[in-house]
């Protein structure tokens, strides 16, 4: 491509709304253009990179699945049938935008954020016998999600590219076999994209799909929105939301028990302020929250100050399908106090109290007094509170926590999710009454799995991982071009090199502009093509060749250039 063929030129200054590295650099280099927050147009350079990412994904997915292309719009009835029409909190819809359109058709459609509701009845129409399974279909398609925050460029968008695959199986064992095979496929993809060394497979919540863990593929990068807890000795990785956690022990074994008292503290905001007011360590404070289950039962959950309650962990411990915080009215009815002063002391017998393990092994600790503005201090186990039969782990893990199985302090890293796989089991096949006939002609349940990778997000992650102070840096197999030709004198030499490189099957960007050398060099660094080839009076019949990641340049012949970049 000639530089002058591309109407989308590099930009020196970008909007202050673009705060992430990938958004700034990709916009400056004219790879993408933001239309509104979280919605981007891919310009020629960006589209070339995106297509290369998707090509690699296709090549690996074609080994284990067959490609389809499903619709972006789906009828509401499909989502109503699974019960997710009112529970998926990023779901979007389409409807007529004006009266003239509404006069033609008033139908509203769901804009698919994922395709379980579409693929399940689709496959059901064609596959019925045990002979038809296992099978897997995949697509690379545009998805839509009403993300609450979209300030991280391509890492979190409201419109984005997604590879999603769905597999169908006769048994849980067959699903597991395929699921494990897909783990290998994904790691192969990430290795080919240049992210293999920094991408790990982390255990994560199965969400509404399954009680089992799902698996996320996380690329360790400073700009990541996720936090990984890694066990150094085993390389086992957990997403923060599921990381089993043991709080660091307090060194208060030698303390003498003090007399329990009630202390008035009006308007205390947060445990740090409360601890300072009471002149105790923050770890001596206790946060007690009241939750209501789907059956109407109220439970209390107590954690050590400085921790938050992980509701997904707590749901599994309680055995509840849903948990929601008790209303202010319910809290006052149960505790006789306003919100913020609940504690495990003297709660009604109807309220079952669950204690996180972080609350154990403490002396002279604080908890709410179940009395507005009052806190109970110097509370001790067995004397003031019965020692629970069991302490649980339902806190959100934080840095410094310990992996209970080995006693190691976690290695905590920021990461960005680039793929995930879920064992769906029978959640969606049951919703659509999708079964198959076995060898005896009997109806049997069907098991499903789903597997996602975000190509557009991957593009952003690669920028976050490799870009430097000068601009973009691309793995050579993903760069929009292999060679960036700069002809300082703008004579026939540049055109000759451009034509011969193209004839050799090499992707070339030729800066044929009438512009200063410094401007051309700066744009070359910003755009990030792996090789820069410069011709000028100084180079004579040679070419000055420099790799984007090197400070050294060398003079080579055209044949040597071709040999070097094709190797």
Protein backbone atom coordinates (compact mmCIF):
# COMPACT_ATOMS: atom_id res chain seq x y z
CA UNK A 1 0.00 0.00 0.00
CA UNK A 2 1.15 3.51 -0.79
CA UNK A 3 0.92 5.90 2.12
CA UNK A 4 -0.95 8.41 -0.01
CA UNK A 5 -3.61 5.80 -0.91
CA UNK A 6 -4.83 5.75 2.66
CA UNK A 7 -7.06 8.74 3.52
CA UNK A 8 -6.75 8.01 7.25
CA UNK A 9 -3.55 9.73 8.36
CA UNK A 10 -1.70 9.64 11.65
CA UNK A 11 -2.84 12.03 14.38
CA UNK A 12 -0.63 13.95 16.81
CA UNK A 13 -3.27 14.75 19.44
CA UNK A 14 -6.19 12.54 20.46
CA UNK A 15 -9.26 13.09 22.61
CA UNK A 16 -8.75 13.22 26.38
CA UNK A 17 -11.50 10.57 26.58
CA UNK A 18 -8.96 8.03 25.29
CA UNK A 19 -7.11 7.16 28.47
CA UNK A 20 -5.78 3.66 27.77
CA UNK A 21 -2.53 2.98 25.93
CA UNK A 22 -4.17 0.88 23.24
CA UNK A 23 -6.90 3.45 22.53
CA UNK A 24 -4.42 6.34 22.29
CA UNK A 25 -1.81 4.64 20.11
CA UNK A 26 -4.25 2.86 17.79
CA UNK A 27 -6.09 6.15 17.25
CA UNK A 28 -2.88 8.16 16.74
CA UNK A 29 -1.62 5.61 14.23
CA UNK A 30 -5.05 5.56 12.51
CA UNK A 31 -5.76 1.88 13.12
CA UNK A 32 -9.16 2.63 14.70
CA UNK A 33 -11.57 5.55 15.07
CA UNK A 34 -13.87 5.98 18.06
CA UNK A 35 -17.47 6.76 17.10
CA UNK A 36 -18.81 6.87 20.66
CA UNK A 37 -17.50 5.36 23.90
CA UNK A 38 -16.88 1.64 23.42
CA UNK A 39 -17.66 1.64 19.68
CA UNK A 40 -14.83 1.75 17.14
CA UNK A 41 -14.40 1.70 13.38
CA UNK A 42 -11.46 -0.39 12.17
CA UNK A 43 -9.49 1.59 9.61
CA UNK A 44 -7.30 -0.09 6.93
CA UNK A 45 -4.25 -0.79 9.14
CA UNK A 46 -6.37 -1.99 12.04
CA UNK A 47 -8.53 -4.15 9.82
CA UNK A 48 -5.44 -5.86 8.38
CA UNK A 49 -4.26 -6.79 11.88
CA UNK A 50 -7.74 -7.90 12.97
CA UNK A 51 -8.06 -10.11 9.89
CA UNK A 52 -4.71 -11.76 10.64
CA UNK A 53 -5.77 -12.49 14.22
CA UNK A 54 -9.04 -14.00 13.01
CA UNK A 55 -7.22 -16.02 10.34
CA UNK A 56 -5.07 -17.71 13.00
CA UNK A 57 -8.14 -18.39 15.13
CA UNK A 58 -9.94 -19.91 12.13
CA UNK A 59 -7.00 -22.13 11.22
CA UNK A 60 -6.95 -23.69 14.68
CA UNK A 61 -10.72 -23.84 15.16
CA UNK A 62 -11.21 -25.54 11.80
CA UNK A 63 -9.34 -28.52 13.25
CA UNK A 64 -12.02 -29.13 15.89
CA UNK A 65 -15.24 -27.44 14.67
CA UNK A 66 -17.13 -26.24 11.63
CA UNK A 67 -17.78 -22.55 10.94
CA UNK A 68 -21.23 -20.97 10.71
CA UNK A 69 -22.43 -17.36 10.82
CA UNK A 70 -25.48 -16.70 12.97
CA UNK A 71 -27.63 -13.60 13.06
CA UNK A 72 -26.94 -10.60 15.28
CA UNK A 73 -30.67 -10.19 15.90
CA UNK A 74 -32.72 -12.82 17.69
CA UNK A 75 -36.40 -13.10 18.65
CA UNK A 76 -37.23 -12.32 22.27
CA UNK A 77 -38.98 -15.66 22.65
CA UNK A 78 -35.66 -17.52 22.58
CA UNK A 79 -34.36 -15.47 25.50
CA UNK A 80 -37.66 -15.79 27.30
CA UNK A 81 -37.48 -19.56 26.94
CA UNK A 82 -34.15 -19.70 28.78
CA UNK A 83 -35.30 -17.15 31.36
CA UNK A 84 -32.38 -14.85 30.57
CA UNK A 85 -34.33 -11.99 29.01
CA UNK A 86 -34.46 -10.23 32.40
CA UNK A 87 -31.25 -11.49 34.00
CA UNK A 88 -28.41 -10.79 31.52
CA UNK A 89 -27.44 -7.30 32.67
CA UNK A 90 -25.64 -6.25 29.46
CA UNK A 91 -28.38 -7.27 27.04
CA UNK A 92 -29.36 -4.78 24.32
CA UNK A 93 -32.24 -4.64 21.83
CA UNK A 94 -33.25 -2.99 18.58
CA UNK A 95 -36.49 -1.18 17.83
CA UNK A 96 -37.72 1.28 15.18
CA UNK A 97 -35.81 4.57 15.45
CA UNK A 98 -38.57 6.78 14.13
CA UNK A 99 -42.27 6.90 13.30
CA UNK A 100 -41.74 6.15 9.61
CA UNK A 101 -39.87 2.97 10.47
CA UNK A 102 -42.41 1.98 13.13
CA UNK A 103 -45.18 2.33 10.56
CA UNK A 104 -43.54 -0.49 8.61
CA UNK A 105 -42.66 -2.87 11.45
CA UNK A 106 -42.73 -2.42 15.22
CA UNK A 107 -40.99 -5.68 16.10
CA UNK A 108 -38.24 -5.43 18.70
CA UNK A 109 -35.29 -7.84 18.57
CA UNK A 110 -32.54 -8.80 21.00
CA UNK A 111 -29.04 -7.78 19.91
CA UNK A 112 -27.14 -10.92 20.77
CA UNK A 113 -24.44 -10.60 23.42
CA UNK A 114 -23.89 -14.34 23.15
CA UNK A 115 -25.50 -17.08 21.04
CA UNK A 116 -26.64 -19.96 23.26
CA UNK A 117 -30.25 -18.92 22.63
CA UNK A 118 -29.72 -19.13 18.88
CA UNK A 119 -27.41 -22.09 18.40
CA UNK A 120 -29.33 -24.54 20.62
CA UNK A 121 -32.60 -24.54 18.64
CA UNK A 122 -30.60 -24.32 15.40
CA UNK A 123 -28.72 -27.56 16.07
CA UNK A 124 -31.87 -29.13 17.54
CA UNK A 125 -33.55 -28.82 14.15
CA UNK A 126 -30.87 -30.91 12.45
CA UNK A 127 -29.40 -33.32 15.03
CA UNK A 128 -31.54 -35.95 16.80
CA UNK A 129 -29.70 -39.27 16.91
CA UNK A 130 -26.74 -40.51 18.92
CA UNK A 131 -24.99 -40.78 15.54
CA UNK A 132 -25.07 -36.98 15.19
CA UNK A 133 -22.93 -36.29 18.25
CA UNK A 134 -20.46 -35.02 19.29
CA UNK A 135 -20.45 -31.91 17.13
CA UNK A 136 -19.20 -28.35 17.45
CA UNK A 137 -19.93 -25.19 15.48
CA UNK A 138 -18.18 -21.84 15.76
CA UNK A 139 -18.49 -18.36 14.34
CA UNK A 140 -16.57 -15.08 14.30
CA UNK A 141 -19.13 -12.35 14.58
CA UNK A 142 -19.94 -8.93 16.01
CA UNK A 143 -21.45 -8.91 19.50
CA UNK A 144 -23.19 -6.17 21.47
CA UNK A 145 -23.11 -5.59 25.22
CA UNK A 146 -24.28 -2.63 27.26
CA UNK A 147 -21.05 -2.33 29.21
CA UNK A 148 -21.23 0.12 32.13
CA UNK A 149 -17.68 1.35 31.52
CA UNK A 150 -15.93 1.58 28.19
CA UNK A 151 -12.76 3.59 28.76
CA UNK A 152 -10.16 0.92 28.11
CA UNK A 153 -10.16 1.05 24.32
CA UNK A 154 -10.54 -2.35 22.68
CA UNK A 155 -10.28 -4.14 26.02
CA UNK A 156 -13.94 -3.45 26.82
CA UNK A 157 -16.34 -2.42 24.07
CA UNK A 158 -20.08 -2.20 23.54
CA UNK A 159 -19.63 -3.50 19.98
CA UNK A 160 -16.84 -6.00 19.44
CA UNK A 161 -15.66 -9.06 17.53
CA UNK A 162 -16.08 -12.47 19.13
CA UNK A 163 -15.25 -16.03 18.20
CA UNK A 164 -17.78 -18.20 19.98
CA UNK A 165 -18.08 -21.97 19.66
CA UNK A 166 -20.71 -24.38 20.99
CA UNK A 167 -20.28 -28.12 21.38
CA UNK A 168 -22.95 -30.83 21.86
CA UNK A 169 -22.30 -34.18 23.53
CA UNK A 170 -23.98 -37.42 24.55
CA UNK A 171 -22.40 -37.60 28.01
CA UNK A 172 -20.57 -35.50 30.61
CA UNK A 173 -17.47 -37.60 29.97
CA UNK A 174 -17.48 -36.84 26.26
CA UNK A 175 -18.01 -33.14 27.01
CA UNK A 176 -15.01 -33.19 29.36
CA UNK A 177 -12.80 -34.85 26.74
CA UNK A 178 -13.65 -32.20 24.17
CA UNK A 179 -13.39 -29.43 26.78
CA UNK A 180 -9.85 -30.49 27.62
CA UNK A 181 -8.95 -30.64 23.93
CA UNK A 182 -10.20 -27.06 23.51
CA UNK A 183 -7.81 -25.91 26.25
CA UNK A 184 -4.92 -27.05 24.05
CA UNK A 185 -6.43 -25.41 20.96
CA UNK A 186 -6.70 -22.11 22.79
CA UNK A 187 -3.13 -22.18 24.08
CA UNK A 188 -1.94 -22.91 20.54
CA UNK A 189 -3.84 -19.86 19.30
CA UNK A 190 -2.31 -17.60 21.95
CA UNK A 191 1.18 -18.91 21.22
CA UNK A 192 0.72 -18.12 17.53
CA UNK A 193 -0.45 -14.63 18.44
CA UNK A 194 2.73 -13.97 20.42
CA UNK A 195 1.01 -14.13 23.81
CA UNK A 196 1.83 -17.71 24.81
CA UNK A 197 4.51 -16.88 27.37
CA UNK A 198 2.29 -14.39 29.21
CA UNK A 199 -1.09 -16.12 28.93
CA UNK A 200 -2.27 -18.51 31.65
CA UNK A 201 -5.40 -20.57 32.21
CA UNK A 202 -7.18 -19.47 35.36
CA UNK A 203 -10.04 -21.04 37.26
CA UNK A 204 -13.11 -18.80 37.36
CA UNK A 205 -16.75 -18.85 38.36
CA UNK A 206 -19.16 -20.91 36.30
CA UNK A 207 -21.77 -18.21 36.89
CA UNK A 208 -25.33 -19.22 36.10
CA UNK A 209 -24.12 -21.94 33.73
CA UNK A 210 -22.61 -24.48 36.08
CA UNK A 211 -21.53 -25.18 39.65
CA UNK A 212 -18.16 -26.26 38.25
CA UNK A 213 -15.29 -23.88 37.62
CA UNK A 214 -15.08 -22.34 34.20
CA UNK A 215 -11.67 -21.53 32.73
CA UNK A 216 -10.42 -18.13 31.63
CA UNK A 217 -7.38 -17.49 29.49
CA UNK A 218 -5.72 -14.44 31.00
CA UNK A 219 -2.84 -12.45 29.55
CA UNK A 220 -0.73 -10.90 32.29
CA UNK A 221 -0.54 -7.19 31.51
CA UNK A 222 -0.50 -4.08 33.67
CA UNK A 223 -3.63 -2.66 32.00
CA UNK A 224 -5.70 -5.75 32.82
CA UNK A 225 -8.99 -5.35 34.65
CA UNK A 226 -8.80 -8.77 36.30
CA UNK A 227 -6.68 -9.84 39.26
CA UNK A 228 -5.05 -13.26 39.24
CA UNK A 229 -3.95 -15.17 42.32
CA UNK A 230 -1.15 -17.54 41.34
CA UNK A 231 0.30 -20.40 43.40
CA UNK A 232 4.01 -20.24 42.61
CA UNK A 233 4.84 -23.88 43.39
CA UNK A 234 2.10 -25.38 41.22
CA UNK A 235 1.40 -22.54 38.72
CA UNK A 236 -2.27 -22.93 39.61
CA UNK A 237 -4.14 -19.71 38.81
CA UNK A 238 -7.40 -18.36 40.19
CA UNK A 239 -9.46 -15.36 39.23
CA UNK A 240 -9.95 -13.23 42.33
CA UNK A 241 -13.66 -14.10 42.41
CA UNK A 242 -12.97 -17.78 43.19
CA UNK A 243 -9.51 -17.75 44.78
CA UNK A 244 -9.55 -19.86 47.97
CA UNK A 245 -8.10 -17.55 50.56
CA UNK A 246 -6.65 -17.67 54.04
CA UNK A 247 -6.13 -14.33 55.75
CA UNK A 248 -2.71 -13.55 57.27
CA UNK A 249 -2.77 -14.42 60.95
CA UNK A 250 -2.87 -11.68 63.57
CA UNK A 251 -0.11 -11.65 66.18
CA UNK A 252 -2.34 -11.21 69.22
CA UNK A 253 -1.97 -14.61 70.93
CA UNK A 254 -0.33 -13.05 73.97
CA UNK A 255 -3.01 -10.43 74.51
CA UNK A 256 -5.04 -10.60 77.68
CA UNK A 257 -8.82 -10.70 77.30
CA UNK A 258 -10.34 -7.33 78.04
CA UNK A 259 -13.82 -6.51 79.27
CA UNK A 260 -16.41 -6.32 76.49
CA UNK A 261 -17.93 -2.84 76.28
CA UNK A 262 -20.23 -0.86 74.01
CA UNK A 263 -18.76 2.28 72.47
CA UNK A 264 -20.79 4.98 70.74
CA UNK A 265 -19.39 6.10 67.40
CA UNK A 266 -21.61 8.36 65.32
CA UNK A 267 -21.08 8.71 61.59
CA UNK A 268 -18.14 6.35 61.19
CA UNK A 269 -17.55 5.78 57.46
CA UNK A 270 -15.68 2.57 56.69
CA UNK A 271 -13.60 0.23 58.82
CA UNK A 272 -10.42 2.33 58.54
CA UNK A 273 -12.08 5.32 60.15
CA UNK A 274 -13.75 3.08 62.73
CA UNK A 275 -10.45 1.39 63.64
CA UNK A 276 -8.76 4.76 64.05
CA UNK A 277 -11.62 5.97 66.27
CA UNK A 278 -11.44 2.86 68.45
CA UNK A 279 -7.61 2.86 68.40
CA UNK A 280 -7.43 -0.74 67.20
CA UNK A 281 -6.01 -2.47 64.13
CA UNK A 282 -8.35 -2.58 61.16
CA UNK A 283 -8.11 -6.37 61.30
CA UNK A 284 -9.81 -6.25 64.70
CA UNK A 285 -12.99 -4.82 63.19
CA UNK A 286 -15.79 -7.01 61.84
CA UNK A 287 -18.16 -6.41 58.95
CA UNK A 288 -21.52 -8.19 59.26
CA UNK A 289 -23.94 -8.18 56.32
CA UNK A 290 -27.47 -9.55 56.19
CA UNK A 291 -28.66 -11.34 53.05
CA UNK A 292 -32.00 -12.79 51.97
CA UNK A 293 -32.17 -16.04 49.96
CA UNK A 294 -34.67 -16.88 47.23
CA UNK A 295 -36.72 -18.77 49.85
CA UNK A 296 -36.99 -15.70 52.06
CA UNK A 297 -34.54 -16.89 54.72
CA UNK A 298 -32.19 -14.30 56.22
CA UNK A 299 -28.56 -15.14 56.84
CA UNK A 300 -25.72 -13.10 58.32
CA UNK A 301 -22.17 -13.14 56.92
CA UNK A 302 -19.27 -11.82 59.02
CA UNK A 303 -15.80 -11.03 57.66
CA UNK A 304 -12.74 -9.33 59.08
CA UNK A 305 -12.37 -5.61 58.49
CA UNK A 306 -10.63 -4.85 55.20
CA UNK A 307 -12.33 -7.71 53.33
CA UNK A 308 -15.45 -7.77 51.18
CA UNK A 309 -17.98 -10.60 50.93
CA UNK A 310 -17.83 -12.66 47.73
CA UNK A 311 -21.48 -13.40 47.07
CA UNK A 312 -20.74 -16.22 44.61
CA UNK A 313 -18.68 -18.07 47.22
CA UNK A 314 -21.31 -17.37 49.87
CA UNK A 315 -24.15 -18.69 47.68
CA UNK A 316 -22.42 -22.06 47.35
CA UNK A 317 -21.77 -22.25 51.08
CA UNK A 318 -25.35 -21.34 51.98
CA UNK A 319 -26.79 -23.54 49.22
CA UNK A 320 -28.82 -20.65 47.81
CA UNK A 321 -29.66 -19.94 44.18
CA UNK A 322 -29.77 -16.20 44.80
CA UNK A 323 -28.69 -13.81 47.53
CA UNK A 324 -29.57 -10.16 47.88
CA UNK A 325 -28.71 -7.69 50.59
CA UNK A 326 -31.49 -7.27 53.11
CA UNK A 327 -33.37 -3.98 52.84
CA UNK A 328 -32.86 -1.23 55.40
CA UNK A 329 -36.31 -2.00 56.78
CA UNK A 330 -35.48 -5.70 57.16
CA UNK A 331 -32.14 -4.94 58.83
CA UNK A 332 -33.83 -2.65 61.35
CA UNK A 333 -36.52 -5.22 62.07
CA UNK A 334 -33.96 -7.95 62.73
CA UNK A 335 -31.24 -5.97 64.55
CA UNK A 336 -33.28 -3.08 65.98
CA UNK A 337 -30.61 -0.81 64.46
CA UNK A 338 -29.93 1.17 61.30
CA UNK A 339 -27.81 -0.28 58.51
CA UNK A 340 -24.12 -0.35 59.42
CA UNK A 341 -24.43 -1.50 63.03
CA UNK A 342 -25.31 -5.18 62.58
CA UNK A 343 -23.22 -7.71 64.47
CA UNK A 344 -23.29 -11.44 65.25
CA UNK A 345 -24.11 -10.87 68.95
CA UNK A 346 -27.68 -11.62 70.06
CA UNK A 347 -29.21 -12.04 66.60
CA UNK A 348 -32.58 -13.85 66.46
CA UNK A 349 -32.35 -17.64 66.24
CA UNK A 350 -34.03 -17.46 62.82
CA UNK A 351 -30.90 -15.82 61.41
CA UNK A 352 -28.08 -18.27 60.70
CA UNK A 353 -24.67 -16.67 61.02
CA UNK A 354 -21.75 -17.65 58.77
CA UNK A 355 -18.25 -16.61 59.85
CA UNK A 356 -15.39 -16.22 57.38
CA UNK A 357 -12.12 -17.81 58.49
CA UNK A 358 -10.60 -14.31 58.68
CA UNK A 359 -12.68 -13.69 61.80
CA UNK A 360 -11.10 -16.62 63.67
CA UNK A 361 -8.00 -16.55 65.89
CA UNK A 362 -8.62 -13.02 67.14
CA UNK A 363 -8.81 -11.57 70.60
CA UNK A 364 -10.54 -8.39 71.73
CA UNK A 365 -12.19 -7.70 68.39
CA UNK A 366 -14.99 -5.31 67.43
CA UNK A 367 -18.39 -5.98 65.89
CA UNK A 368 -21.64 -4.11 65.46
CA UNK A 369 -23.72 -3.92 68.64
CA UNK A 370 -27.10 -4.20 66.85
CA UNK A 371 -27.77 -0.75 68.28
CA UNK A 372 -27.65 2.41 66.17
CA UNK A 373 -24.28 4.25 66.51
CA UNK A 374 -22.87 1.62 68.88
CA UNK A 375 -20.09 -0.93 68.52
CA UNK A 376 -19.19 -3.83 70.77
CA UNK A 377 -15.48 -3.87 71.55
CA UNK A 378 -13.19 -6.44 73.18
CA UNK A 379 -15.40 -9.29 71.99
CA UNK A 380 -13.86 -12.74 72.44
CA UNK A 381 -14.71 -16.23 71.24
CA UNK A 382 -16.32 -18.65 73.69
CA UNK A 383 -16.65 -15.98 76.36
CA UNK A 384 -18.91 -13.57 74.39
CA UNK A 385 -19.60 -15.48 71.19
CA UNK A 386 -19.93 -19.27 70.82
CA UNK A 387 -17.07 -20.65 68.75
CA UNK A 388 -18.64 -21.69 65.40
CA UNK A 389 -18.57 -25.35 64.43
CA UNK A 390 -16.96 -24.25 61.18
CA UNK A 391 -15.35 -21.17 59.70
CA UNK A 392 -15.81 -20.66 55.95
CA UNK A 393 -14.03 -18.87 53.13
CA UNK A 394 -16.36 -16.39 51.46
CA UNK A 395 -14.24 -13.27 51.36
CA UNK A 396 -12.88 -11.60 48.24
CA UNK A 397 -9.19 -12.49 48.19
CA UNK A 398 -6.64 -9.70 48.35
CA UNK A 399 -2.89 -9.27 48.06
CA UNK A 400 -1.04 -10.87 50.95
CA UNK A 401 -3.54 -13.72 51.31
CA UNK A 402 -2.43 -17.33 51.55
CA UNK A 403 -3.32 -20.37 49.44
CA UNK A 404 -4.74 -22.75 52.09
CA UNK A 405 -3.51 -25.97 50.47
CA UNK A 406 0.21 -25.11 50.58
CA UNK A 407 0.45 -22.14 52.96
CA UNK A 408 2.06 -20.00 50.23
CA UNK A 409 1.40 -16.30 49.87
CA UNK A 410 -0.20 -15.78 46.47
CA UNK A 411 1.65 -14.11 43.60
CA UNK A 412 -0.90 -11.45 42.57
CA UNK A 413 -0.92 -10.14 38.99
CA UNK A 414 -3.09 -7.90 36.84
CA UNK A 415 -4.37 -9.58 33.69
CA UNK A 416 -6.78 -9.21 30.81
CA UNK A 417 -9.17 -12.00 29.87
CA UNK A 418 -8.65 -12.97 26.23
CA UNK A 419 -10.71 -16.17 26.15
CA UNK A 420 -12.96 -18.36 28.25
CA UNK A 421 -14.55 -21.79 28.15
CA UNK A 422 -17.64 -22.95 30.05
CA UNK A 423 -19.11 -26.41 30.68
CA UNK A 424 -22.77 -25.57 30.11
CA UNK A 425 -23.95 -29.13 30.82
CA UNK A 426 -27.76 -29.26 30.28
CA UNK A 427 -28.71 -25.66 31.13
CA UNK A 428 -29.68 -24.71 27.57
CA UNK A 429 -30.59 -28.11 26.16
CA UNK A 430 -33.15 -28.50 28.97
CA UNK A 431 -34.57 -25.03 28.32
CA UNK A 432 -35.29 -26.01 24.70
CA UNK A 433 -36.17 -29.64 25.52
CA UNK A 434 -33.28 -30.71 23.29
CA UNK A 435 -32.58 -34.43 23.72
CA UNK A 436 -31.33 -37.24 21.50
CA UNK A 437 -32.24 -40.88 20.90
CA UNK A 438 -29.66 -43.44 22.01
CA UNK A 439 -28.91 -46.83 20.42
CA UNK A 440 -32.02 -48.33 22.05
CA UNK A 441 -34.25 -45.49 20.86
CA UNK A 442 -34.53 -43.99 24.36
CA UNK A 443 -34.50 -40.25 24.99
CA UNK A 444 -31.29 -39.00 26.66
CA UNK A 445 -30.12 -35.57 27.89
CA UNK A 446 -27.70 -33.56 25.79
CA UNK A 447 -24.64 -31.83 27.23
CA UNK A 448 -23.14 -28.59 25.93
CA UNK A 449 -20.00 -26.51 26.22
CA UNK A 450 -19.19 -23.00 24.99
CA UNK A 451 -15.85 -21.43 24.09
CA UNK A 452 -15.11 -17.75 23.46
CA UNK A 453 -12.18 -15.64 22.22
CA UNK A 454 -12.30 -11.89 21.54
CA UNK A 455 -10.25 -11.03 18.41
CA UNK A 456 -10.73 -7.27 18.76
CA UNK A 457 -9.84 -7.40 22.44
CA UNK A 458 -6.76 -9.45 21.56
CA UNK A 459 -5.65 -6.65 19.26
CA UNK A 460 -5.85 -4.22 22.17
CA UNK A 461 -4.05 -6.60 24.53
CA UNK A 462 -1.19 -7.05 22.06
CA UNK A 463 -0.77 -3.27 21.96
CA UNK A 464 -0.77 -3.06 25.77
CA UNK A 465 1.80 -5.85 25.91
CA UNK A 466 4.26 -4.78 23.22
CA UNK A 467 3.95 -1.05 22.49
CA UNK A 468 6.81 1.18 23.61
CA UNK A 469 7.38 4.91 24.09
CA UNK A 470 7.69 5.48 20.34
CA UNK A 471 4.50 3.73 19.29
CA UNK A 472 3.12 0.36 18.27
CA UNK A 473 5.15 -2.87 18.13
CA UNK A 474 3.65 -5.94 16.45
CA UNK A 475 4.57 -9.62 16.36
CA UNK A 476 5.81 -10.04 12.80
CA UNK A 477 3.00 -12.39 11.75
CA UNK A 478 0.33 -9.88 12.82
CA UNK A 479 1.73 -6.57 11.60
CA UNK A 480 -0.32 -4.84 8.89
CA UNK A 481 2.82 -4.81 6.69
CA UNK A 482 6.21 -6.45 6.89
CA UNK A 483 8.34 -3.63 5.47
CA UNK A 484 7.89 0.14 5.72
CA UNK A 485 9.77 1.76 2.81
CA UNK A 486 10.89 5.36 3.22
CA UNK A 487 12.37 7.17 0.22
CA UNK A 488 13.96 10.39 1.45
CA UNK A 489 14.61 11.84 -2.05
CA UNK A 490 11.35 10.57 -3.58
CA UNK A 491 13.01 9.23 -6.68
CA UNK A 492 12.46 6.07 -8.70
CA UNK A 493 14.46 4.00 -6.21
CA UNK A 494 11.57 3.88 -3.71
CA UNK A 495 9.10 2.79 -6.38
CA UNK A 496 11.50 0.07 -7.58
CA UNK A 497 11.93 -1.38 -4.08
CA UNK A 498 8.17 -1.21 -3.47
CA UNK A 499 7.38 -3.11 -6.68
CA UNK A 500 10.06 -5.78 -6.18
CA UNK A 501 9.07 -6.43 -2.58
CA UNK A 502 5.46 -6.84 -3.64
CA UNK A 503 6.50 -9.17 -6.43
CA UNK A 504 8.29 -11.29 -3.80
CA UNK A 505 5.01 -11.63 -1.89
CA UNK A 506 6.04 -9.22 0.88
CA UNK A 507 3.48 -6.84 2.37
CA UNK A 508 4.81 -3.31 1.98
CA UNK A 509 3.84 0.16 3.14
CA UNK A 510 5.59 2.77 0.98
CA UNK A 511 5.72 6.28 2.41
CA UNK A 512 5.51 8.14 -0.88
CA UNK A 513 4.53 11.46 0.71
CA UNK A 514 6.27 14.75 0.08
CA UNK A 515 7.12 15.16 3.76
CA UNK A 516 10.14 15.75 6.00
CA UNK A 517 12.34 12.77 6.87
CA UNK A 518 11.74 13.28 10.59
CA UNK A 519 7.97 13.12 10.10
CA UNK A 520 8.29 9.92 8.09
CA UNK A 521 10.54 8.28 10.69
CA UNK A 522 8.21 9.27 13.54
CA UNK A 523 5.21 7.83 11.71
CA UNK A 524 7.14 4.63 10.98
CA UNK A 525 7.80 4.14 14.70
CA UNK A 526 4.19 4.98 15.57
CA UNK A 527 2.70 2.58 13.00
CA UNK A 528 5.05 -0.16 14.15
CA UNK A 529 5.82 -2.16 10.97
CA UNK A 530 8.55 -4.73 11.87
CA UNK A 531 11.16 -3.59 9.28
CA UNK A 532 11.99 -0.07 8.14
CA UNK A 533 13.81 0.23 4.79
CA UNK A 534 15.28 3.68 4.00
CA UNK A 535 16.82 4.84 0.73
CA UNK A 536 18.59 8.16 0.26
CA UNK A 537 21.72 9.69 -1.27
CA UNK A 538 23.69 8.35 1.70
CA UNK A 539 22.63 4.74 1.13
CA UNK A 540 23.62 4.76 -2.56
CA UNK A 541 22.62 1.48 -4.18
CA UNK A 542 22.09 -0.07 -0.72
CA UNK A 543 19.13 0.06 1.64
CA UNK A 544 19.30 1.03 5.31
CA UNK A 545 17.44 -1.74 7.13
CA UNK A 546 16.32 -1.40 10.73
CA UNK A 547 14.04 -3.56 12.84
CA UNK A 548 11.36 -1.73 14.81
CA UNK A 549 12.62 -3.14 18.13
CA UNK A 550 16.31 -2.44 17.46
CA UNK A 551 18.41 0.72 17.70
CA UNK A 552 20.85 -0.56 15.10
CA UNK A 553 20.59 -0.15 11.34
CA UNK A 554 22.64 -1.84 8.59
CA UNK A 555 23.14 -1.40 4.87
CA UNK A 556 21.90 -4.33 2.76
CA UNK A 557 21.18 -5.05 -0.87
CA UNK A 558 17.64 -5.51 -2.10
CA UNK A 559 18.19 -9.26 -2.40
CA UNK A 560 19.48 -9.40 1.17
CA UNK A 561 16.45 -7.42 2.33
CA UNK A 562 14.08 -9.86 0.66
CA UNK A 563 15.96 -12.84 2.07
CA UNK A 564 15.98 -11.32 5.58
CA UNK A 565 12.29 -10.53 5.84
CA UNK A 566 11.07 -13.73 4.18
CA UNK A 567 13.19 -15.86 6.51
